[in-house]
N, C-alpha and C. Protein backbone atom coordinates (compact mmCIF):
# COMPACT_ATOMS: atom_id res chain seq x y z
N MET A 1 4.68 6.25 5.11
CA MET A 1 3.79 6.18 6.25
C MET A 1 4.18 7.15 7.30
N ALA A 2 5.45 7.41 7.41
CA ALA A 2 5.97 8.42 8.42
C ALA A 2 5.50 9.82 8.08
N ALA A 3 5.44 10.11 6.79
CA ALA A 3 4.94 11.46 6.40
C ALA A 3 3.48 11.64 6.81
N THR A 4 2.69 10.60 6.67
CA THR A 4 1.30 10.66 7.08
C THR A 4 1.16 10.91 8.55
N ALA A 5 1.90 10.20 9.36
CA ALA A 5 1.79 10.31 10.79
C ALA A 5 2.29 11.70 11.27
N SER A 6 3.30 12.27 10.58
CA SER A 6 3.90 13.50 11.05
C SER A 6 2.97 14.71 10.84
N ARG A 7 2.00 14.64 9.90
CA ARG A 7 1.10 15.75 9.71
C ARG A 7 -0.07 15.70 10.70
N ARG A 8 -0.18 14.56 11.40
CA ARG A 8 -1.20 14.49 12.43
C ARG A 8 -0.58 14.92 13.79
N THR A 9 -1.36 14.85 14.80
CA THR A 9 -0.89 15.26 16.15
C THR A 9 0.39 14.54 16.51
N PRO A 10 1.50 15.26 16.67
CA PRO A 10 2.80 14.56 16.87
C PRO A 10 2.92 13.89 18.21
N LEU A 11 2.39 14.51 19.26
CA LEU A 11 2.51 13.97 20.60
C LEU A 11 1.14 13.85 21.21
N ARG A 12 0.82 12.66 21.73
CA ARG A 12 -0.51 12.49 22.38
C ARG A 12 -0.31 11.99 23.80
N ARG A 13 -1.28 12.28 24.58
CA ARG A 13 -1.25 11.76 25.95
C ARG A 13 -1.30 10.24 25.96
N ASP A 14 -0.71 9.66 26.96
CA ASP A 14 -0.81 8.25 27.15
C ASP A 14 -2.26 7.90 27.36
N ILE A 15 -2.79 6.90 26.63
CA ILE A 15 -4.21 6.57 26.71
C ILE A 15 -4.62 6.16 28.18
N ARG A 16 -3.67 5.68 28.94
CA ARG A 16 -3.95 5.27 30.31
C ARG A 16 -4.19 6.48 31.22
N GLU A 17 -3.79 7.64 30.76
CA GLU A 17 -3.94 8.85 31.58
C GLU A 17 -5.23 9.61 31.27
N ILE A 18 -5.98 9.20 30.30
CA ILE A 18 -7.17 9.90 29.88
C ILE A 18 -8.32 9.69 30.82
N GLY A 19 -8.34 8.60 31.47
CA GLY A 19 -9.42 8.28 32.37
C GLY A 19 -10.45 7.34 31.71
N GLU A 20 -11.57 7.26 32.32
CA GLU A 20 -12.61 6.32 31.80
C GLU A 20 -13.67 7.06 31.08
N GLY A 21 -14.59 6.34 30.46
CA GLY A 21 -15.75 6.91 29.87
C GLY A 21 -15.57 7.29 28.40
N ALA A 22 -16.42 8.22 27.96
CA ALA A 22 -16.54 8.57 26.57
C ALA A 22 -15.22 9.13 25.99
N ALA A 23 -14.49 9.94 26.79
CA ALA A 23 -13.30 10.60 26.27
C ALA A 23 -12.25 9.50 25.91
N ALA A 24 -12.09 8.51 26.74
CA ALA A 24 -11.14 7.41 26.43
C ALA A 24 -11.66 6.59 25.22
N ASP A 25 -12.94 6.34 25.18
CA ASP A 25 -13.53 5.61 24.01
C ASP A 25 -13.25 6.32 22.74
N LEU A 26 -13.55 7.62 22.72
CA LEU A 26 -13.38 8.41 21.48
C LEU A 26 -11.96 8.54 21.08
N GLU A 27 -11.03 8.75 22.04
CA GLU A 27 -9.63 8.83 21.74
C GLU A 27 -9.09 7.53 21.23
N GLY A 28 -9.52 6.42 21.87
CA GLY A 28 -9.04 5.09 21.41
C GLY A 28 -9.54 4.79 20.03
N LEU A 29 -10.78 5.12 19.75
CA LEU A 29 -11.32 4.93 18.38
C LEU A 29 -10.55 5.80 17.34
N SER A 30 -10.31 7.03 17.74
CA SER A 30 -9.62 7.93 16.84
C SER A 30 -8.23 7.42 16.47
N ARG A 31 -7.50 6.95 17.47
CA ARG A 31 -6.14 6.44 17.25
C ARG A 31 -6.14 5.25 16.44
N PHE A 32 -7.08 4.29 16.79
CA PHE A 32 -7.11 3.01 16.07
C PHE A 32 -7.60 3.20 14.59
N SER A 33 -8.58 4.01 14.38
CA SER A 33 -8.98 4.24 13.05
C SER A 33 -7.97 4.91 12.23
N GLU A 34 -7.13 5.79 12.81
CA GLU A 34 -6.04 6.37 12.08
C GLU A 34 -5.02 5.33 11.70
N ALA A 35 -4.74 4.38 12.57
CA ALA A 35 -3.83 3.32 12.21
C ALA A 35 -4.40 2.45 11.10
N MET A 36 -5.72 2.23 11.13
CA MET A 36 -6.36 1.46 10.11
C MET A 36 -6.27 2.19 8.72
N ARG A 37 -6.53 3.47 8.71
CA ARG A 37 -6.46 4.29 7.52
C ARG A 37 -5.04 4.29 6.93
N ASP A 38 -4.05 4.46 7.85
CA ASP A 38 -2.68 4.44 7.35
C ASP A 38 -2.25 3.07 6.73
N LYS A 39 -2.72 2.00 7.35
CA LYS A 39 -2.39 0.65 6.84
C LYS A 39 -3.07 0.43 5.45
N LEU A 40 -4.34 0.85 5.36
CA LEU A 40 -5.03 0.67 4.06
C LEU A 40 -4.35 1.51 2.99
N ALA A 41 -3.95 2.72 3.33
CA ALA A 41 -3.23 3.59 2.34
C ALA A 41 -1.93 2.92 1.91
N GLN A 42 -1.23 2.38 2.83
CA GLN A 42 0.06 1.71 2.52
C GLN A 42 -0.19 0.56 1.56
N LYS A 43 -1.22 -0.26 1.87
CA LYS A 43 -1.51 -1.41 1.02
C LYS A 43 -2.00 -1.01 -0.38
N ARG A 44 -2.72 0.14 -0.47
CA ARG A 44 -3.16 0.59 -1.80
C ARG A 44 -1.97 1.00 -2.65
N THR A 45 -0.92 1.60 -2.03
CA THR A 45 0.29 1.95 -2.77
C THR A 45 1.00 0.69 -3.26
N GLU A 46 0.79 -0.41 -2.57
CA GLU A 46 1.39 -1.71 -3.01
C GLU A 46 0.50 -2.48 -3.99
N GLY A 47 -0.59 -1.82 -4.41
CA GLY A 47 -1.43 -2.41 -5.45
C GLY A 47 -2.61 -3.26 -4.90
N ARG A 48 -2.80 -3.21 -3.61
CA ARG A 48 -3.92 -4.05 -3.01
C ARG A 48 -5.22 -3.18 -3.10
N GLY A 49 -6.29 -3.87 -3.15
CA GLY A 49 -7.62 -3.22 -3.20
C GLY A 49 -8.67 -4.15 -3.74
N GLY A 50 -9.88 -3.67 -3.91
CA GLY A 50 -10.94 -4.47 -4.48
C GLY A 50 -11.77 -5.23 -3.47
N TRP A 51 -11.52 -4.98 -2.19
CA TRP A 51 -12.28 -5.72 -1.16
C TRP A 51 -13.78 -5.38 -1.21
N ASN A 52 -14.13 -4.27 -1.77
CA ASN A 52 -15.55 -3.81 -1.69
C ASN A 52 -16.46 -4.34 -2.80
N HIS A 53 -15.94 -5.20 -3.64
CA HIS A 53 -16.80 -5.79 -4.67
C HIS A 53 -16.41 -7.21 -4.95
N ALA A 54 -17.39 -7.93 -5.48
CA ALA A 54 -17.14 -9.36 -5.85
C ALA A 54 -16.16 -9.51 -6.94
N PRO A 55 -15.53 -10.65 -7.05
CA PRO A 55 -14.55 -10.93 -8.11
C PRO A 55 -15.11 -10.72 -9.52
N TYR A 56 -14.33 -10.16 -10.34
CA TYR A 56 -14.66 -9.98 -11.77
C TYR A 56 -13.40 -9.92 -12.61
N ASN A 57 -13.51 -10.13 -13.87
CA ASN A 57 -12.37 -10.10 -14.75
C ASN A 57 -12.39 -8.77 -15.50
N VAL A 58 -11.24 -8.21 -15.70
CA VAL A 58 -11.09 -6.93 -16.41
C VAL A 58 -10.19 -7.24 -17.57
N GLN A 59 -10.64 -6.90 -18.73
CA GLN A 59 -9.78 -7.13 -19.93
C GLN A 59 -8.83 -5.93 -20.12
N ARG A 60 -7.60 -6.21 -20.36
CA ARG A 60 -6.63 -5.16 -20.53
C ARG A 60 -6.89 -4.41 -21.82
N GLU A 61 -6.30 -3.24 -21.95
CA GLU A 61 -6.45 -2.38 -23.14
C GLU A 61 -6.27 -3.13 -24.44
N ARG A 62 -5.23 -3.90 -24.55
CA ARG A 62 -4.88 -4.58 -25.79
C ARG A 62 -5.70 -5.83 -26.03
N GLY A 63 -6.38 -6.25 -24.94
CA GLY A 63 -7.25 -7.42 -25.04
C GLY A 63 -6.53 -8.74 -24.99
N GLU A 64 -5.23 -8.75 -24.69
CA GLU A 64 -4.51 -10.03 -24.71
C GLU A 64 -4.78 -10.92 -23.54
N ARG A 65 -5.13 -10.31 -22.38
CA ARG A 65 -5.42 -11.18 -21.27
C ARG A 65 -6.34 -10.42 -20.27
N CYS A 66 -6.95 -11.21 -19.41
CA CYS A 66 -7.85 -10.64 -18.39
C CYS A 66 -7.12 -10.70 -17.04
N GLU A 67 -7.43 -9.72 -16.24
CA GLU A 67 -6.91 -9.68 -14.85
C GLU A 67 -8.06 -9.90 -13.84
N PHE A 68 -7.78 -10.54 -12.80
CA PHE A 68 -8.76 -10.79 -11.76
C PHE A 68 -8.76 -9.62 -10.79
N HIS A 69 -9.95 -9.09 -10.53
CA HIS A 69 -10.06 -8.00 -9.57
C HIS A 69 -11.22 -8.35 -8.61
N GLY A 70 -11.18 -7.72 -7.44
CA GLY A 70 -12.22 -7.99 -6.51
C GLY A 70 -11.92 -9.09 -5.58
N CYS A 71 -12.80 -9.43 -4.67
CA CYS A 71 -12.56 -10.40 -3.63
C CYS A 71 -13.89 -10.96 -3.10
N SER A 72 -13.94 -12.21 -2.87
CA SER A 72 -15.18 -12.74 -2.31
C SER A 72 -15.13 -12.59 -0.77
N VAL A 73 -16.29 -12.59 -0.12
CA VAL A 73 -16.35 -12.52 1.32
C VAL A 73 -15.67 -13.73 1.89
N ARG A 74 -15.81 -14.88 1.28
CA ARG A 74 -15.17 -16.08 1.73
C ARG A 74 -13.66 -15.93 1.80
N SER A 75 -13.09 -15.30 0.66
CA SER A 75 -11.64 -15.03 0.67
C SER A 75 -11.22 -14.08 1.74
N LEU A 76 -12.03 -13.02 1.97
CA LEU A 76 -11.70 -12.07 3.03
C LEU A 76 -11.71 -12.77 4.38
N LYS A 77 -12.64 -13.70 4.61
CA LYS A 77 -12.68 -14.36 5.88
C LYS A 77 -11.48 -15.27 6.08
N GLN A 78 -11.00 -15.85 4.97
CA GLN A 78 -9.78 -16.75 5.08
C GLN A 78 -8.56 -15.87 5.33
N MET A 79 -8.51 -14.67 4.69
CA MET A 79 -7.41 -13.76 4.96
C MET A 79 -7.39 -13.26 6.44
N LEU A 80 -8.62 -13.02 6.95
CA LEU A 80 -8.74 -12.65 8.38
C LEU A 80 -8.20 -13.73 9.28
N ARG A 81 -8.57 -14.98 9.02
CA ARG A 81 -8.03 -16.09 9.84
C ARG A 81 -6.53 -16.16 9.77
N ASN A 82 -5.99 -16.01 8.55
CA ASN A 82 -4.52 -16.02 8.40
C ASN A 82 -3.82 -14.93 9.14
N HIS A 83 -4.42 -13.71 9.12
CA HIS A 83 -3.86 -12.57 9.84
C HIS A 83 -4.01 -12.67 11.34
N MET A 84 -5.05 -13.39 11.80
CA MET A 84 -5.20 -13.57 13.25
C MET A 84 -4.02 -14.37 13.81
N LYS A 85 -3.49 -15.29 13.03
CA LYS A 85 -2.33 -16.07 13.48
C LYS A 85 -1.10 -15.21 13.56
N LYS A 86 -1.04 -14.13 12.76
CA LYS A 86 0.13 -13.21 12.82
C LYS A 86 0.03 -12.23 13.95
N GLY A 87 -1.24 -11.94 14.40
CA GLY A 87 -1.45 -11.10 15.57
C GLY A 87 -1.39 -9.57 15.31
N ASP A 88 -1.43 -9.10 14.08
CA ASP A 88 -1.44 -7.65 13.86
C ASP A 88 -2.86 -7.16 13.98
N MET A 89 -3.14 -6.46 15.09
CA MET A 89 -4.54 -6.05 15.39
C MET A 89 -5.08 -5.10 14.33
N VAL A 90 -4.24 -4.30 13.71
CA VAL A 90 -4.69 -3.35 12.70
C VAL A 90 -5.15 -4.10 11.46
N ASP A 91 -4.38 -5.12 11.01
CA ASP A 91 -4.78 -5.95 9.88
C ASP A 91 -6.11 -6.66 10.19
N ILE A 92 -6.15 -7.22 11.39
CA ILE A 92 -7.40 -7.93 11.78
C ILE A 92 -8.64 -7.01 11.75
N ALA A 93 -8.44 -5.79 12.27
CA ALA A 93 -9.56 -4.88 12.29
C ALA A 93 -9.90 -4.46 10.81
N ASN A 94 -8.94 -4.26 9.99
CA ASN A 94 -9.23 -3.86 8.60
C ASN A 94 -9.99 -5.00 7.87
N PHE A 95 -9.60 -6.24 8.06
CA PHE A 95 -10.30 -7.33 7.44
C PHE A 95 -11.72 -7.47 8.00
N ALA A 96 -11.87 -7.23 9.33
CA ALA A 96 -13.23 -7.28 9.94
C ALA A 96 -14.10 -6.15 9.35
N MET A 97 -13.50 -4.98 9.13
CA MET A 97 -14.23 -3.85 8.55
C MET A 97 -14.65 -4.20 7.16
N MET A 98 -13.76 -4.80 6.38
CA MET A 98 -14.11 -5.16 4.99
C MET A 98 -15.27 -6.17 4.98
N ILE A 99 -15.15 -7.19 5.78
CA ILE A 99 -16.24 -8.20 5.85
C ILE A 99 -17.56 -7.64 6.29
N TRP A 100 -17.51 -6.82 7.34
CA TRP A 100 -18.72 -6.19 7.86
C TRP A 100 -19.42 -5.38 6.79
N ASN A 101 -18.65 -4.57 6.07
CA ASN A 101 -19.20 -3.73 4.98
C ASN A 101 -19.76 -4.57 3.83
N ARG A 102 -19.14 -5.65 3.50
CA ARG A 102 -19.65 -6.49 2.40
C ARG A 102 -20.93 -7.18 2.83
N GLU A 103 -21.04 -7.57 4.11
CA GLU A 103 -22.21 -8.21 4.61
C GLU A 103 -23.30 -7.24 4.97
N ASN A 104 -22.99 -5.96 5.10
CA ASN A 104 -23.98 -4.89 5.37
C ASN A 104 -23.74 -3.73 4.43
N PRO A 105 -23.99 -3.99 3.14
CA PRO A 105 -23.65 -3.01 2.13
C PRO A 105 -24.30 -1.67 2.22
N THR A 106 -25.39 -1.57 2.97
CA THR A 106 -26.03 -0.25 3.11
C THR A 106 -25.79 0.34 4.48
N GLY A 107 -24.95 -0.28 5.26
CA GLY A 107 -24.62 0.22 6.61
C GLY A 107 -25.45 -0.44 7.68
N PRO A 108 -25.34 -0.01 8.94
CA PRO A 108 -26.04 -0.70 10.00
C PRO A 108 -27.56 -0.52 9.85
N ARG A 109 -28.25 -1.56 10.31
CA ARG A 109 -29.74 -1.56 10.23
C ARG A 109 -30.24 -0.79 11.43
N LYS A 110 -31.19 0.10 11.16
CA LYS A 110 -31.82 0.92 12.18
C LYS A 110 -32.91 0.08 12.89
N PRO A 111 -32.99 0.14 14.17
CA PRO A 111 -34.10 -0.57 14.84
C PRO A 111 -35.45 0.00 14.48
N GLU A 112 -36.47 -0.83 14.31
CA GLU A 112 -37.77 -0.32 13.94
C GLU A 112 -38.56 0.08 15.12
């Protein structure tokens, strides 16, 4: 994870010094989404994934056993509740992102 952070902007201004309005909003979103991306990448290297589809079984090459892949929205919501107790805002945001995308698979609805 340190290598990922080092190739990005090494030193940033204190968010409290940016002021109000769109500049602070955009910088805050940029920093937070970067932290979310880094955490997701870390968890992928640990073998986590499958949040974007419903559970299904995958048969291994030799056919001797099946593995469970995917995740239900209900399970994601339970994991979100568990992580809220831990207080890691990046994990909470990532679970919220996963749930939102599963519940809105084509993206946000445009007003008519």
